[in-house]
Amino acid sequence: MIIRYVANNLPGELPLPSSYVDQRSPEDLAELAAAAHWRDHPEDTPTFVTVVHMRDVDGHDLGLFEVRCEQRPVFTASQLRQA
């Protein structure tokens, strides 16, 4: 399935499997579209807020979304060997 969106007034497309799209909320899809938008425009610095219009998801207009770019720490654990 091809999802068509507009992020910060620039059109974009995001190919995703239909089964994947069916299991995601509109907010999840807007977040994916915002991430795809910034991947497609690496010369630009991501804005704190990206306005995403999910204009065609399986023939439906899902409306406008405000997607915030928030940095969060990522923690990765690995087990230590005991001496």
PDB file of N, CA and C in Angstrom:
ATOM      1  N   MET A   1       0.855  -1.169   0.000  1.00  0.00           N
ATOM      2  CA  MET A   1       0.000   0.000   0.000  1.00  0.00           C
ATOM      3  C   MET A   1       0.901   1.231   0.000  1.00  0.00           C
ATOM      4  N   ILE A   2       0.526   2.246  -0.749  1.00  0.00           N
ATOM      5  CA  ILE A   2       1.237   3.516  -0.783  1.00  0.00           C
ATOM      6  C   ILE A   2       0.439   4.525   0.036  1.00  0.00           C
ATOM      7  N   ILE A   3       1.054   5.030   1.097  1.00  0.00           N
ATOM      8  CA  ILE A   3       0.438   6.077   1.910  1.00  0.00           C
ATOM      9  C   ILE A   3       0.919   7.415   1.373  1.00  0.00           C
ATOM     10  N   ARG A   4       0.001   8.303   1.085  1.00  0.00           N
ATOM     11  CA  ARG A   4       0.338   9.635   0.590  1.00  0.00           C
ATOM     12  C   ARG A   4       0.078  10.643   1.705  1.00  0.00           C
ATOM     13  N   TYR A   5       1.070  11.485   1.915  1.00  0.00           N
ATOM     14  CA  TYR A   5       0.983  12.461   2.996  1.00  0.00           C
ATOM     15  C   TYR A   5       1.603  13.776   2.547  1.00  0.00           C
ATOM     16  N   VAL A   6       1.361  14.802   3.323  1.00  0.00           N
ATOM     17  CA  VAL A   6       2.025  16.092   3.148  1.00  0.00           C
ATOM     18  C   VAL A   6       2.599  16.448   4.514  1.00  0.00           C
ATOM     19  N   ALA A   7       3.920  16.680   4.559  1.00  0.00           N
ATOM     20  CA  ALA A   7       4.582  17.039   5.812  1.00  0.00           C
ATOM     21  C   ALA A   7       5.224  18.407   5.633  1.00  0.00           C
ATOM     22  N   ASN A   8       4.840  19.338   6.491  1.00  0.00           N
ATOM     23  CA  ASN A   8       5.340  20.710   6.394  1.00  0.00           C
ATOM     24  C   ASN A   8       5.228  21.249   4.969  1.00  0.00           C
ATOM     25  N   ASN A   9       4.080  21.011   4.367  1.00  0.00           N
ATOM     26  CA  ASN A   9       3.726  21.489   3.016  1.00  0.00           C
ATOM     27  C   ASN A   9       4.485  20.805   1.887  1.00  0.00           C
ATOM     28  N   LEU A  10       5.202  19.709   2.154  1.00  0.00           N
ATOM     29  CA  LEU A  10       5.890  18.967   1.105  1.00  0.00           C
ATOM     30  C   LEU A  10       5.255  17.584   0.965  1.00  0.00           C
ATOM     31  N   PRO A  11       4.840  17.192  -0.250  1.00  0.00           N
ATOM     32  CA  PRO A  11       4.204  15.895  -0.437  1.00  0.00           C
ATOM     33  C   PRO A  11       5.211  14.756  -0.328  1.00  0.00           C
ATOM     34  N   GLY A  12       4.706  13.622   0.110  1.00  0.00           N
ATOM     35  CA  GLY A  12       5.543  12.435   0.207  1.00  0.00           C
ATOM     36  C   GLY A  12       4.714  11.177   0.106  1.00  0.00           C
ATOM     37  N   GLU A  13       5.400  10.071  -0.115  1.00  0.00           N
ATOM     38  CA  GLU A  13       4.755   8.764  -0.179  1.00  0.00           C
ATOM     39  C   GLU A  13       5.540   7.788   0.680  1.00  0.00           C
ATOM     40  N   LEU A  14       4.816   6.851   1.266  1.00  0.00           N
ATOM     41  CA  LEU A  14       5.428   5.862   2.141  1.00  0.00           C
ATOM     42  C   LEU A  14       4.837   4.494   1.817  1.00  0.00           C
ATOM     43  N   PRO A  15       5.631   3.608   1.212  1.00  0.00           N
ATOM     44  CA  PRO A  15       5.127   2.261   0.924  1.00  0.00           C
ATOM     45  C   PRO A  15       5.202   1.374   2.171  1.00  0.00           C
ATOM     46  N   LEU A  16       4.076   0.805   2.543  1.00  0.00           N
ATOM     47  CA  LEU A  16       4.001  -0.093   3.695  1.00  0.00           C
ATOM     48  C   LEU A  16       3.099  -1.274   3.358  1.00  0.00           C
ATOM     49  N   PRO A  17       3.368  -2.441   3.932  1.00  0.00           N
ATOM     50  CA  PRO A  17       2.470  -3.578   3.729  1.00  0.00           C
ATOM     51  C   PRO A  17       1.081  -3.291   4.308  1.00  0.00           C
ATOM     52  N   SER A  18       0.052  -3.700   3.605  1.00  0.00           N
ATOM     53  CA  SER A  18      -1.326  -3.477   4.068  1.00  0.00           C
ATOM     54  C   SER A  18      -1.569  -4.068   5.445  1.00  0.00           C
ATOM     55  N   SER A  19      -1.025  -5.252   5.691  1.00  0.00           N
ATOM     56  CA  SER A  19      -1.235  -5.896   6.992  1.00  0.00           C
ATOM     57  C   SER A  19      -0.611  -5.076   8.116  1.00  0.00           C
ATOM     58  N   TYR A  20       0.483  -4.404   7.846  1.00  0.00           N
ATOM     59  CA  TYR A  20       1.128  -3.549   8.842  1.00  0.00           C
ATOM     60  C   TYR A  20       0.269  -2.314   9.119  1.00  0.00           C
ATOM     61  N   VAL A  21      -0.214  -1.687   8.044  1.00  0.00           N
ATOM     62  CA  VAL A  21      -1.036  -0.478   8.172  1.00  0.00           C
ATOM     63  C   VAL A  21      -2.305  -0.770   8.955  1.00  0.00           C
ATOM     64  N   ASP A  22      -2.909  -1.924   8.719  1.00  0.00           N
ATOM     65  CA  ASP A  22      -4.157  -2.291   9.395  1.00  0.00           C
ATOM     66  C   ASP A  22      -3.996  -2.416  10.909  1.00  0.00           C
ATOM     67  N   GLN A  23      -2.770  -2.660  11.370  1.00  0.00           N
ATOM     68  CA  GLN A  23      -2.528  -2.860  12.800  1.00  0.00           C
ATOM     69  C   GLN A  23      -2.052  -1.591  13.509  1.00  0.00           C
ATOM     70  N   ARG A  24      -1.953  -0.474  12.798  1.00  0.00           N
ATOM     71  CA  ARG A  24      -1.433   0.764  13.373  1.00  0.00           C
ATOM     72  C   ARG A  24      -2.519   1.815  13.517  1.00  0.00           C
ATOM     73  N   SER A  25      -2.360   2.668  14.515  1.00  0.00           N
ATOM     74  CA  SER A  25      -3.293   3.773  14.697  1.00  0.00           C
ATOM     75  C   SER A  25      -2.933   4.893  13.720  1.00  0.00           C
ATOM     76  N   PRO A  26      -3.860   5.815  13.466  1.00  0.00           N
ATOM     77  CA  PRO A  26      -3.532   6.960  12.615  1.00  0.00           C
ATOM     78  C   PRO A  26      -2.333   7.757  13.148  1.00  0.00           C
ATOM     79  N   GLU A  27      -2.214   7.856  14.466  1.00  0.00           N
ATOM     80  CA  GLU A  27      -1.078   8.561  15.063  1.00  0.00           C
ATOM     81  C   GLU A  27       0.242   7.843  14.759  1.00  0.00           C
ATOM     82  N   ASP A  28       0.229   6.515  14.842  1.00  0.00           N
ATOM     83  CA  ASP A  28       1.427   5.738  14.506  1.00  0.00           C
ATOM     84  C   ASP A  28       1.846   6.010  13.062  1.00  0.00           C
ATOM     85  N   LEU A  29       0.876   6.026  12.158  1.00  0.00           N
ATOM     86  CA  LEU A  29       1.167   6.250  10.742  1.00  0.00           C
ATOM     87  C   LEU A  29       1.684   7.666  10.504  1.00  0.00           C
ATOM     88  N   ALA A  30       1.148   8.642  11.230  1.00  0.00           N
ATOM     89  CA  ALA A  30       1.633  10.021  11.099  1.00  0.00           C
ATOM     90  C   ALA A  30       3.080  10.120  11.582  1.00  0.00           C
ATOM     91  N   GLU A  31       3.421   9.406  12.646  1.00  0.00           N
ATOM     92  CA  GLU A  31       4.802   9.394  13.126  1.00  0.00           C
ATOM     93  C   GLU A  31       5.732   8.773  12.085  1.00  0.00           C
ATOM     94  N   LEU A  32       5.302   7.689  11.455  1.00  0.00           N
ATOM     95  CA  LEU A  32       6.101   7.063  10.400  1.00  0.00           C
ATOM     96  C   LEU A  32       6.279   8.001   9.211  1.00  0.00           C
ATOM     97  N   ALA A  33       5.216   8.723   8.863  1.00  0.00           N
ATOM     98  CA  ALA A  33       5.291   9.664   7.745  1.00  0.00           C
ATOM     99  C   ALA A  33       6.256  10.798   8.065  1.00  0.00           C
ATOM    100  N   ALA A  34       6.229  11.299   9.296  1.00  0.00           N
ATOM    101  CA  ALA A  34       7.154  12.367   9.684  1.00  0.00           C
ATOM    102  C   ALA A  34       8.595  11.863   9.623  1.00  0.00           C
ATOM    103  N   ALA A  35       8.834  10.668  10.103  1.00  0.00           N
ATOM    104  CA  ALA A  35      10.182  10.094  10.042  1.00  0.00           C
ATOM    105  C   ALA A  35      10.634   9.927   8.592  1.00  0.00           C
ATOM    106  N   ALA A  36       9.731   9.461   7.736  1.00  0.00           N
ATOM    107  CA  ALA A  36      10.057   9.296   6.318  1.00  0.00           C
ATOM    108  C   ALA A  36      10.354  10.648   5.677  1.00  0.00           C
ATOM    109  N   HIS A  37       9.580  11.653   6.045  1.00  0.00           N
ATOM    110  CA  HIS A  37       9.793  13.000   5.515  1.00  0.00           C
ATOM    111  C   HIS A  37      11.210  13.478   5.818  1.00  0.00           C
ATOM    112  N   TRP A  38      11.650  13.329   7.062  1.00  0.00           N
ATOM    113  CA  TRP A  38      12.978  13.816   7.430  1.00  0.00           C
ATOM    114  C   TRP A  38      14.082  12.953   6.848  1.00  0.00           C
ATOM    115  N   ARG A  39      13.830  11.659   6.642  1.00  0.00           N
ATOM    116  CA  ARG A  39      14.800  10.808   5.940  1.00  0.00           C
ATOM    117  C   ARG A  39      14.953  11.248   4.488  1.00  0.00           C
ATOM    118  N   ASP A  40      13.834  11.648   3.871  1.00  0.00           N
ATOM    119  CA  ASP A  40      13.852  12.087   2.478  1.00  0.00           C
ATOM    120  C   ASP A  40      14.469  13.469   2.295  1.00  0.00           C
ATOM    121  N   HIS A  41      14.639  14.217   3.387  1.00  0.00           N
ATOM    122  CA  HIS A  41      15.200  15.573   3.330  1.00  0.00           C
ATOM    123  C   HIS A  41      16.366  15.694   4.327  1.00  0.00           C
ATOM    124  N   PRO A  42      17.438  14.925   4.109  1.00  0.00           N
ATOM    125  CA  PRO A  42      18.544  14.918   5.076  1.00  0.00           C
ATOM    126  C   PRO A  42      19.296  16.244   5.169  1.00  0.00           C
ATOM    127  N   GLU A  43      19.140  17.091   4.161  1.00  0.00           N
ATOM    128  CA  GLU A  43      19.826  18.384   4.187  1.00  0.00           C
ATOM    129  C   GLU A  43      19.158  19.372   5.145  1.00  0.00           C
ATOM    130  N   ASP A  44      17.936  19.074   5.575  1.00  0.00           N
ATOM    131  CA  ASP A  44      17.191  19.940   6.481  1.00  0.00           C
ATOM    132  C   ASP A  44      17.286  19.410   7.909  1.00  0.00           C
ATOM    133  N   THR A  45      17.244  20.314   8.862  1.00  0.00           N
ATOM    134  CA  THR A  45      17.226  19.943  10.275  1.00  0.00           C
ATOM    135  C   THR A  45      15.775  19.741  10.699  1.00  0.00           C
ATOM    136  N   PRO A  46      15.465  18.597  11.307  1.00  0.00           N
ATOM    137  CA  PRO A  46      14.079  18.374  11.742  1.00  0.00           C
ATOM    138  C   PRO A  46      13.589  19.468  12.687  1.00  0.00           C
ATOM    139  N   THR A  47      12.366  19.886  12.463  1.00  0.00           N
ATOM    140  CA  THR A  47      11.746  20.879  13.325  1.00  0.00           C
ATOM    141  C   THR A  47      11.169  20.194  14.556  1.00  0.00           C
ATOM    142  N   PHE A  48      10.945  20.956  15.614  1.00  0.00           N
ATOM    143  CA  PHE A  48      10.371  20.390  16.833  1.00  0.00           C
ATOM    144  C   PHE A  48       8.976  19.831  16.559  1.00  0.00           C
ATOM    145  N   VAL A  49       8.205  20.529  15.699  1.00  0.00           N
ATOM    146  CA  VAL A  49       6.866  20.072  15.327  1.00  0.00           C
ATOM    147  C   VAL A  49       6.809  19.932  13.813  1.00  0.00           C
ATOM    148  N   THR A  50       6.352  18.764  13.353  1.00  0.00           N
ATOM    149  CA  THR A  50       6.105  18.529  11.934  1.00  0.00           C
ATOM    150  C   THR A  50       4.601  18.369  11.773  1.00  0.00           C
ATOM    151  N   VAL A  51       4.014  19.181  10.910  1.00  0.00           N
ATOM    152  CA  VAL A  51       2.579  19.066  10.632  1.00  0.00           C
ATOM    153  C   VAL A  51       2.411  18.098   9.473  1.00  0.00           C
ATOM    154  N   VAL A  52       1.684  17.012   9.731  1.00  0.00           N
ATOM    155  CA  VAL A  52       1.510  15.951   8.743  1.00  0.00           C
ATOM    156  C   VAL A  52       0.029  15.817   8.400  1.00  0.00           C
ATOM    157  N   HIS A  53      -0.270  15.886   7.118  1.00  0.00           N
ATOM    158  CA  HIS A  53      -1.624  15.626   6.626  1.00  0.00           C
ATOM    159  C   HIS A  53      -1.605  14.244   5.991  1.00  0.00           C
ATOM    160  N   MET A  54      -2.280  13.310   6.617  1.00  0.00           N
ATOM    161  CA  MET A  54      -2.371  11.947   6.094  1.00  0.00           C
ATOM    162  C   MET A  54      -3.514  11.932   5.079  1.00  0.00           C
ATOM    163  N   ARG A  55      -3.194  12.313   3.842  1.00  0.00           N
ATOM    164  CA  ARG A  55      -4.234  12.591   2.859  1.00  0.00           C
ATOM    165  C   ARG A  55      -4.784  11.370   2.140  1.00  0.00           C
ATOM    166  N   ASP A  56      -4.030  10.261   2.090  1.00  0.00           N
ATOM    167  CA  ASP A  56      -4.553   9.062   1.415  1.00  0.00           C
ATOM    168  C   ASP A  56      -3.963   7.810   2.050  1.00  0.00           C
ATOM    169  N   VAL A  57      -4.746   7.203   2.925  1.00  0.00           N
ATOM    170  CA  VAL A  57      -4.378   5.931   3.543  1.00  0.00           C
ATOM    171  C   VAL A  57      -5.486   4.953   3.193  1.00  0.00           C
ATOM    172  N   ASP A  58      -5.213   4.097   2.234  1.00  0.00           N
ATOM    173  CA  ASP A  58      -6.200   3.128   1.746  1.00  0.00           C
ATOM    174  C   ASP A  58      -7.486   3.825   1.301  1.00  0.00           C
ATOM    175  N   GLY A  59      -7.311   4.979   0.631  1.00  0.00           N
ATOM    176  CA  GLY A  59      -8.456   5.722   0.111  1.00  0.00           C
ATOM    177  C   GLY A  59      -9.119   6.654   1.101  1.00  0.00           C
ATOM    178  N   HIS A  60      -8.575   6.760   2.309  1.00  0.00           N
ATOM    179  CA  HIS A  60      -9.175   7.618   3.340  1.00  0.00           C
ATOM    180  C   HIS A  60      -8.243   8.769   3.696  1.00  0.00           C
ATOM    181  N   ASP A  61      -8.818   9.947   3.912  1.00  0.00           N
ATOM    182  CA  ASP A  61      -8.092  11.106   4.416  1.00  0.00           C
ATOM    183  C   ASP A  61      -8.209  11.059   5.941  1.00  0.00           C
ATOM    184  N   LEU A  62      -7.072  10.849   6.611  1.00  0.00           N
ATOM    185  CA  LEU A  62      -7.093  10.727   8.073  1.00  0.00           C
ATOM    186  C   LEU A  62      -6.940  12.068   8.782  1.00  0.00           C
ATOM    187  N   GLY A  63      -6.698  13.141   8.025  1.00  0.00           N
ATOM    188  CA  GLY A  63      -6.632  14.468   8.610  1.00  0.00           C
ATOM    189  C   GLY A  63      -5.224  14.917   8.959  1.00  0.00           C
ATOM    190  N   LEU A  64      -5.171  15.989   9.772  1.00  0.00           N
ATOM    191  CA  LEU A  64      -3.915  16.619  10.163  1.00  0.00           C
ATOM    192  C   LEU A  64      -3.434  16.107  11.518  1.00  0.00           C
ATOM    193  N   PHE A  65      -2.105  16.013  11.637  1.00  0.00           N
ATOM    194  CA  PHE A  65      -1.484  15.582  12.880  1.00  0.00           C
ATOM    195  C   PHE A  65      -0.305  16.481  13.185  1.00  0.00           C
ATOM    196  N   GLU A  66      -0.096  16.745  14.447  1.00  0.00           N
ATOM    197  CA  GLU A  66       1.095  17.447  14.918  1.00  0.00           C
ATOM    198  C   GLU A  66       2.019  16.377  15.478  1.00  0.00           C
ATOM    199  N   VAL A  67       3.185  16.229  14.852  1.00  0.00           N
ATOM    200  CA  VAL A  67       4.145  15.214  15.292  1.00  0.00           C
ATOM    201  C   VAL A  67       5.330  15.943  15.915  1.00  0.00           C
ATOM    202  N   ARG A  68       5.570  15.679  17.191  1.00  0.00           N
ATOM    203  CA  ARG A  68       6.654  16.347  17.908  1.00  0.00           C
ATOM    204  C   ARG A  68       7.919  15.492  17.879  1.00  0.00           C
ATOM    205  N   CYS A  69       9.034  16.150  17.715  1.00  0.00           N
ATOM    206  CA  CYS A  69      10.338  15.490  17.737  1.00  0.00           C
ATOM    207  C   CYS A  69      10.900  15.629  19.141  1.00  0.00           C
ATOM    208  N   GLU A  70      10.863  14.557  19.892  1.00  0.00           N
ATOM    209  CA  GLU A  70      11.345  14.587  21.266  1.00  0.00           C
ATOM    210  C   GLU A  70      12.461  13.563  21.423  1.00  0.00           C
ATOM    211  N   GLN A  71      13.571  14.019  21.921  1.00  0.00           N
ATOM    212  CA  GLN A  71      14.699  13.122  22.156  1.00  0.00           C
ATOM    213  C   GLN A  71      14.521  12.465  23.517  1.00  0.00           C
ATOM    214  N   ARG A  72      14.643  11.167  23.525  1.00  0.00           N
ATOM    215  CA  ARG A  72      14.559  10.423  24.782  1.00  0.00           C
ATOM    216  C   ARG A  72      15.774   9.526  24.888  1.00  0.00           C
ATOM    217  N   PRO A  73      16.284   9.317  26.098  1.00  0.00           N
ATOM    218  CA  PRO A  73      17.422   8.413  26.223  1.00  0.00           C
ATOM    219  C   PRO A  73      16.994   6.980  25.894  1.00  0.00           C
ATOM    220  N   VAL A  74      17.900   6.270  25.294  1.00  0.00           N
ATOM    221  CA  VAL A  74      17.665   4.863  24.978  1.00  0.00           C
ATOM    222  C   VAL A  74      18.609   4.047  25.843  1.00  0.00           C
ATOM    223  N   PHE A  75      18.074   3.075  26.539  1.00  0.00           N
ATOM    224  CA  PHE A  75      18.871   2.244  27.429  1.00  0.00           C
ATOM    225  C   PHE A  75      18.992   0.849  26.825  1.00  0.00           C
ATOM    226  N   THR A  76      20.206   0.326  26.851  1.00  0.00           N
ATOM    227  CA  THR A  76      20.458  -1.013  26.341  1.00  0.00           C
ATOM    228  C   THR A  76      21.172  -1.800  27.430  1.00  0.00           C
ATOM    229  N   ALA A  77      20.638  -2.938  27.808  1.00  0.00           N
ATOM    230  CA  ALA A  77      21.229  -3.754  28.868  1.00  0.00           C
ATOM    231  C   ALA A  77      21.944  -4.959  28.278  1.00  0.00           C
ATOM    232  N   SER A  78      23.018  -5.336  28.915  1.00  0.00           N
ATOM    233  CA  SER A  78      23.683  -6.595  28.596  1.00  0.00           C
ATOM    234  C   SER A  78      24.143  -7.207  29.915  1.00  0.00           C
ATOM    235  N   GLN A  79      24.005  -8.492  30.009  1.00  0.00           N
ATOM    236  CA  GLN A  79      24.339  -9.178  31.254  1.00  0.00           C
ATOM    237  C   GLN A  79      25.845  -9.236  31.425  1.00  0.00           C
ATOM    238  N   LEU A  80      26.304  -8.970  32.640  1.00  0.00           N
ATOM    239  CA  LEU A  80      27.736  -9.042  32.943  1.00  0.00           C
ATOM    240  C   LEU A  80      28.084 -10.410  33.492  1.00  0.00           C
ATOM    241  N   ARG A  81      29.275 -10.825  33.156  1.00  0.00           N
ATOM    242  CA  ARG A  81      29.747 -12.105  33.695  1.00  0.00           C
ATOM    243  C   ARG A  81      30.337 -11.861  35.076  1.00  0.00           C
ATOM    244  N   GLN A  82      30.032 -12.729  36.015  1.00  0.00           N
ATOM    245  CA  GLN A  82      30.554 -12.591  37.369  1.00  0.00           C
ATOM    246  C   GLN A  82      31.959 -13.192  37.419  1.00  0.00           C
ATOM    247  N   ALA A  83      32.834 -12.513  38.180  1.00  0.00           N
ATOM    248  CA  ALA A  83      34.225 -12.972  38.290  1.00  0.00           C
ATOM    249  C   ALA A  83      34.335 -14.131  39.244  1.00  0.00           C
TER     250      ALA A  83
END
